[in-house]
C-alpha atoms as a PDB file:
ATOM      1  CA  UNK A   1      58.731  34.507  10.009  1.00  0.00           C
ATOM      2  CA  UNK A   2      53.938  35.475   9.227  1.00  0.00           C
ATOM      3  CA  UNK A   3      54.138  32.545   6.950  1.00  0.00           C
ATOM      4  CA  UNK A   4      55.659  29.650   8.660  1.00  0.00           C
ATOM      5  CA  UNK A   5      53.074  31.157  11.552  1.00  0.00           C
ATOM      6  CA  UNK A   6      49.709  31.193   8.467  1.00  0.00           C
ATOM      7  CA  UNK A   7      51.626  27.241   7.828  1.00  0.00           C
ATOM      8  CA  UNK A   8      50.893  26.005  10.962  1.00  0.00           C
ATOM      9  CA  UNK A   9      46.825  26.813  10.941  1.00  0.00           C
ATOM     10  CA  UNK A  10      46.505  25.740   7.364  1.00  0.00           C
ATOM     11  CA  UNK A  11      48.061  22.234   7.210  1.00  0.00           C
ATOM     12  CA  UNK A  12      46.231  21.289  10.662  1.00  0.00           C
ATOM     13  CA  UNK A  13      43.153  22.139   8.265  1.00  0.00           C
ATOM     14  CA  UNK A  14      44.205  20.361   5.472  1.00  0.00           C
ATOM     15  CA  UNK A  15      44.656  17.000   8.046  1.00  0.00           C
ATOM     16  CA  UNK A  16      40.953  17.837   8.977  1.00  0.00           C
ATOM     17  CA  UNK A  17      39.480  17.714   6.154  1.00  0.00           C
ATOM     18  CA  UNK A  18      41.821  14.115   5.039  1.00  0.00           C
ATOM     19  CA  UNK A  19      40.848  12.670   8.090  1.00  0.00           C
ATOM     20  CA  UNK A  20      36.757  13.432   7.536  1.00  0.00           C
ATOM     21  CA  UNK A  21      36.840  12.632   4.538  1.00  0.00           C
ATOM     22  CA  UNK A  22      38.085   8.876   5.487  1.00  0.00           C
ATOM     23  CA  UNK A  23      35.416   8.866   7.873  1.00  0.00           C
ATOM     24  CA  UNK A  24      32.620   9.155   5.769  1.00  0.00           C
ATOM     25  CA  UNK A  25      34.003   6.640   3.599  1.00  0.00           C
ATOM     26  CA  UNK A  26      32.527   3.981   5.560  1.00  0.00           C
ATOM     27  CA  UNK A  27      29.177   4.855   4.435  1.00  0.00           C
ATOM     28  CA  UNK A  28      27.500   1.993   1.568  1.00  0.00           C
ATOM     29  CA  UNK A  29      25.000   1.648  -0.834  1.00  0.00           C
ATOM     30  CA  UNK A  30      21.920  -0.516  -0.523  1.00  0.00           C
ATOM     31  CA  UNK A  31      19.219  -1.311  -3.127  1.00  0.00           C
ATOM     32  CA  UNK A  32      16.940  -3.746  -2.690  1.00  0.00           C
ATOM     33  CA  UNK A  33      13.082  -3.876  -3.665  1.00  0.00           C
ATOM     34  CA  UNK A  34      10.505  -4.754  -1.144  1.00  0.00           C
ATOM     35  CA  UNK A  35       7.267  -6.811  -1.246  1.00  0.00           C
ATOM     36  CA  UNK A  36       3.957  -8.139   0.352  1.00  0.00           C
ATOM     37  CA  UNK A  37       4.004 -12.091   1.699  1.00  0.00           C
ATOM     38  CA  UNK A  38       2.385 -13.334  -1.404  1.00  0.00           C
ATOM     39  CA  UNK A  39       4.774 -11.319  -4.052  1.00  0.00           C
ATOM     40  CA  UNK A  40       3.291  -8.125  -4.707  1.00  0.00           C
ATOM     41  CA  UNK A  41       5.738  -5.062  -4.713  1.00  0.00           C
ATOM     42  CA  UNK A  42       5.030  -2.336  -2.410  1.00  0.00           C
ATOM     43  CA  UNK A  43       5.298   1.586  -3.429  1.00  0.00           C
ATOM     44  CA  UNK A  44       5.757   4.605  -0.213  1.00  0.00           C
ATOM     45  CA  UNK A  45       7.175   2.501   1.965  1.00  0.00           C
ATOM     46  CA  UNK A  46       9.731   4.053   4.612  1.00  0.00           C
ATOM     47  CA  UNK A  47      13.047   2.676   5.036  1.00  0.00           C
ATOM     48  CA  UNK A  48      14.660   3.995   7.105  1.00  0.00           C
ATOM     49  CA  UNK A  49      18.241   3.897   8.611  1.00  0.00           C
ATOM     50  CA  UNK A  50      17.693   3.804  12.979  1.00  0.00           C
ATOM     51  CA  UNK A  51      18.941   5.928  14.985  1.00  0.00           C
ATOM     52  CA  UNK A  52      18.845   8.606  12.691  1.00  0.00           C
ATOM     53  CA  UNK A  53      16.715  10.984  10.348  1.00  0.00           C
ATOM     54  CA  UNK A  54      18.633   9.535   7.129  1.00  0.00           C
ATOM     55  CA  UNK A  55      15.585   7.244   5.192  1.00  0.00           C
ATOM     56  CA  UNK A  56      13.864   6.553   1.164  1.00  0.00           C
ATOM     57  CA  UNK A  57      11.060   5.716   0.274  1.00  0.00           C
ATOM     58  CA  UNK A  58      10.158   2.731  -2.385  1.00  0.00           C
ATOM     59  CA  UNK A  59       9.344   3.814  -5.998  1.00  0.00           C
ATOM     60  CA  UNK A  60       6.542   2.707  -8.386  1.00  0.00           C
ATOM     61  CA  UNK A  61       8.180  -0.481  -9.246  1.00  0.00           C
ATOM     62  CA  UNK A  62       9.018  -1.161  -4.952  1.00  0.00           C
ATOM     63  CA  UNK A  63      12.208  -0.311  -5.342  1.00  0.00           C
ATOM     64  CA  UNK A  64      15.066   1.924  -3.186  1.00  0.00           C
ATOM     65  CA  UNK A  65      18.555   2.753  -2.619  1.00  0.00           C
ATOM     66  CA  UNK A  66      19.261   4.676  -0.035  1.00  0.00           C
ATOM     67  CA  UNK A  67      23.609   5.106   1.703  1.00  0.00           C
ATOM     68  CA  UNK A  68      24.176   3.410   5.578  1.00  0.00           C
ATOM     69  CA  UNK A  69      26.922   2.894   7.845  1.00  0.00           C
ATOM     70  CA  UNK A  70      28.246  -0.093   7.283  1.00  0.00           C
ATOM     71  CA  UNK A  71      26.963  -1.421  10.773  1.00  0.00           C
ATOM     72  CA  UNK A  72      23.607   0.296  10.895  1.00  0.00           C
ATOM     73  CA  UNK A  73      20.045  -1.336  10.298  1.00  0.00           C
ATOM     74  CA  UNK A  74      17.492  -0.483   8.175  1.00  0.00           C
ATOM     75  CA  UNK A  75      13.325   0.094   9.028  1.00  0.00           C
ATOM     76  CA  UNK A  76      10.672  -0.699   6.278  1.00  0.00           C
ATOM     77  CA  UNK A  77       7.304   0.517   8.027  1.00  0.00           C
ATOM     78  CA  UNK A  78       3.979   0.811   5.629  1.00  0.00           C
ATOM     79  CA  UNK A  79       0.329   1.523   6.453  1.00  0.00           C
ATOM     80  CA  UNK A  80      -1.525  -1.313   6.990  1.00  0.00           C
ATOM     81  CA  UNK A  81       1.887  -3.891   7.648  1.00  0.00           C
ATOM     82  CA  UNK A  82       4.236  -4.479  10.632  1.00  0.00           C
ATOM     83  CA  UNK A  83       6.889  -2.632  10.873  1.00  0.00           C
ATOM     84  CA  UNK A  84      10.502  -4.518   9.941  1.00  0.00           C
ATOM     85  CA  UNK A  85      13.996  -3.610  11.329  1.00  0.00           C
ATOM     86  CA  UNK A  86      16.459  -5.585   9.007  1.00  0.00           C
ATOM     87  CA  UNK A  87      20.584  -5.793  10.578  1.00  0.00           C
ATOM     88  CA  UNK A  88      22.727  -4.694   7.010  1.00  0.00           C
ATOM     89  CA  UNK A  89      24.927  -7.207   6.213  1.00  0.00           C
ATOM     90  CA  UNK A  90      28.126  -7.132   3.078  1.00  0.00           C
END
């Protein structure tokens, strides 16, 4: 009797973890290079997913990589430059 009473919560817990893994699979990885108007790469640009604390900065070559949800927007900000918001698309 005790084993069957224990199986129900364990199976519900397993299903919970299974559904949460599906939710995490919805993110995509975005890579790019940030350049200014004359084509020079910018080091240290803040790249942030709008509405979250998820973010990164560009490296010495202006490159960045960030994992975001499919329908998010990225905000690019750098001291002395206007902030630019771009919608993520596949």
